[in-house]
Amino acid sequence: PPKARKAPPPPPKARKAPPPPPKGKKAPPSKPKKTPPPQGKKPQRKRAKRPVSGKPKGSPQTKPKKRGRRIRIKLGLKQS
């Protein structure tokens, strides 16, 4: 028996043209495009290290949690 053939798809509908813009208001003049910066190899972003609380900047001291009790009290870290 001959195979039943599918019906061909309906032809695509014609699109309607968009409606004309309302009269009166004119579109603002388009701004001139900025020229892109010259492309070169960018340096990799370095992640900032998180500052350690109670540690003076630039001194190689350990974190206050690992220091003596009196220093912790001085820094306001009474509870251990």
C-alpha atoms as a PDB file:
ATOM      1  CA  PRO A   1       0.000   0.000   0.000  1.00  0.00           C
ATOM      2  CA  PRO A   2       1.292   3.529  -0.802  1.00  0.00           C
ATOM      3  CA  LYS A   3       2.412   5.584   2.227  1.00  0.00           C
ATOM      4  CA  ALA A   4       0.173   8.470   3.276  1.00  0.00           C
ATOM      5  CA  ARG A   5       1.967  11.763   2.636  1.00  0.00           C
ATOM      6  CA  LYS A   6       1.821  14.637   5.107  1.00  0.00           C
ATOM      7  CA  ALA A   7       0.010  17.774   4.004  1.00  0.00           C
ATOM      8  CA  PRO A   8       2.466  20.542   3.022  1.00  0.00           C
ATOM      9  CA  PRO A   9       2.837  23.292   5.681  1.00  0.00           C
ATOM     10  CA  PRO A  10       0.721  26.412   5.079  1.00  0.00           C
ATOM     11  CA  PRO A  11       2.563  29.312   3.396  1.00  0.00           C
ATOM     12  CA  PRO A  12       4.047  31.873   5.854  1.00  0.00           C
ATOM     13  CA  LYS A  13       1.832  34.867   6.536  1.00  0.00           C
ATOM     14  CA  ALA A  14       2.935  38.225   5.174  1.00  0.00           C
ATOM     15  CA  ARG A  15       4.112  40.571   7.934  1.00  0.00           C
ATOM     16  CA  LYS A  16       2.401  43.884   8.386  1.00  0.00           C
ATOM     17  CA  ALA A  17       4.564  47.005   8.167  1.00  0.00           C
ATOM     18  CA  PRO A  18       5.130  48.708  11.563  1.00  0.00           C
ATOM     19  CA  PRO A  19       2.864  51.712  12.153  1.00  0.00           C
ATOM     20  CA  PRO A  20       4.423  55.105  11.369  1.00  0.00           C
ATOM     21  CA  PRO A  21       5.777  57.010  14.418  1.00  0.00           C
ATOM     22  CA  PRO A  22       3.422  59.614  15.915  1.00  0.00           C
ATOM     23  CA  LYS A  23       3.838  63.058  14.396  1.00  0.00           C
ATOM     24  CA  GLY A  24       5.194  65.995  16.378  1.00  0.00           C
ATOM     25  CA  LYS A  25       8.053  64.533  18.440  1.00  0.00           C
ATOM     26  CA  LYS A  26      11.273  63.976  16.546  1.00  0.00           C
ATOM     27  CA  ALA A  27      13.862  61.470  17.678  1.00  0.00           C
ATOM     28  CA  PRO A  28      16.872  63.120  19.378  1.00  0.00           C
ATOM     29  CA  PRO A  29      19.980  63.268  17.198  1.00  0.00           C
ATOM     30  CA  SER A  30      22.156  60.210  17.689  1.00  0.00           C
ATOM     31  CA  LYS A  31      25.365  60.829  19.620  1.00  0.00           C
ATOM     32  CA  PRO A  32      28.655  60.179  17.825  1.00  0.00           C
ATOM     33  CA  LYS A  33      30.127  56.842  18.875  1.00  0.00           C
ATOM     34  CA  LYS A  34      33.214  56.940  21.087  1.00  0.00           C
ATOM     35  CA  THR A  35      36.267  55.371  19.533  1.00  0.00           C
ATOM     36  CA  PRO A  36      37.311  52.285  21.502  1.00  0.00           C
ATOM     37  CA  PRO A  37      40.614  52.471  23.399  1.00  0.00           C
ATOM     38  CA  PRO A  38      43.623  50.946  21.658  1.00  0.00           C
ATOM     39  CA  GLN A  39      43.746  47.229  22.321  1.00  0.00           C
ATOM     40  CA  GLY A  40      46.765  45.902  24.154  1.00  0.00           C
ATOM     41  CA  LYS A  41      47.568  43.172  26.627  1.00  0.00           C
ATOM     42  CA  LYS A  42      45.970  44.173  29.924  1.00  0.00           C
ATOM     43  CA  PRO A  43      47.740  43.218  33.156  1.00  0.00           C
ATOM     44  CA  GLN A  44      45.954  40.630  35.286  1.00  0.00           C
ATOM     45  CA  ARG A  45      43.953  42.028  38.180  1.00  0.00           C
ATOM     46  CA  LYS A  46      45.576  41.285  41.517  1.00  0.00           C
ATOM     47  CA  ARG A  47      43.206  40.449  44.347  1.00  0.00           C
ATOM     48  CA  ALA A  48      43.512  42.695  47.390  1.00  0.00           C
ATOM     49  CA  LYS A  49      44.404  40.842  50.562  1.00  0.00           C
ATOM     50  CA  ARG A  50      41.881  41.188  53.364  1.00  0.00           C
ATOM     51  CA  PRO A  51      43.268  43.276  56.220  1.00  0.00           C
ATOM     52  CA  VAL A  52      43.733  41.438  59.526  1.00  0.00           C
ATOM     53  CA  SER A  53      41.877  43.134  62.372  1.00  0.00           C
ATOM     54  CA  GLY A  54      44.003  44.881  64.984  1.00  0.00           C
ATOM     55  CA  LYS A  55      47.178  44.475  62.991  1.00  0.00           C
ATOM     56  CA  PRO A  56      49.146  47.644  62.289  1.00  0.00           C
ATOM     57  CA  LYS A  57      49.671  48.142  58.595  1.00  0.00           C
ATOM     58  CA  GLY A  58      53.002  47.012  57.249  1.00  0.00           C
ATOM     59  CA  SER A  59      54.172  45.075  60.299  1.00  0.00           C
ATOM     60  CA  PRO A  60      54.863  41.352  60.067  1.00  0.00           C
ATOM     61  CA  GLN A  61      53.048  40.570  63.337  1.00  0.00           C
ATOM     62  CA  THR A  62      50.811  37.559  63.636  1.00  0.00           C
ATOM     63  CA  LYS A  63      47.047  37.769  63.942  1.00  0.00           C
ATOM     64  CA  PRO A  64      45.879  38.963  67.370  1.00  0.00           C
ATOM     65  CA  LYS A  65      44.065  35.667  67.967  1.00  0.00           C
ATOM     66  CA  LYS A  66      47.415  33.877  67.978  1.00  0.00           C
ATOM     67  CA  ARG A  67      49.070  36.346  70.368  1.00  0.00           C
ATOM     68  CA  GLY A  68      49.166  36.638  74.157  1.00  0.00           C
ATOM     69  CA  ARG A  69      46.199  37.409  76.391  1.00  0.00           C
ATOM     70  CA  ARG A  70      47.339  40.910  77.371  1.00  0.00           C
ATOM     71  CA  ILE A  71      47.725  41.965  73.745  1.00  0.00           C
ATOM     72  CA  ARG A  72      44.232  40.664  72.999  1.00  0.00           C
ATOM     73  CA  ILE A  73      42.809  42.672  75.893  1.00  0.00           C
ATOM     74  CA  LYS A  74      44.664  45.741  74.601  1.00  0.00           C
ATOM     75  CA  LEU A  75      43.090  45.232  71.191  1.00  0.00           C
ATOM     76  CA  GLY A  76      39.628  44.835  72.691  1.00  0.00           C
ATOM     77  CA  LEU A  77      39.386  41.102  72.053  1.00  0.00           C
ATOM     78  CA  LYS A  78      38.737  40.053  75.662  1.00  0.00           C
ATOM     79  CA  GLN A  79      36.714  36.962  74.804  1.00  0.00           C
ATOM     80  CA  SER A  80      38.840  34.231  73.251  1.00  0.00           C
END
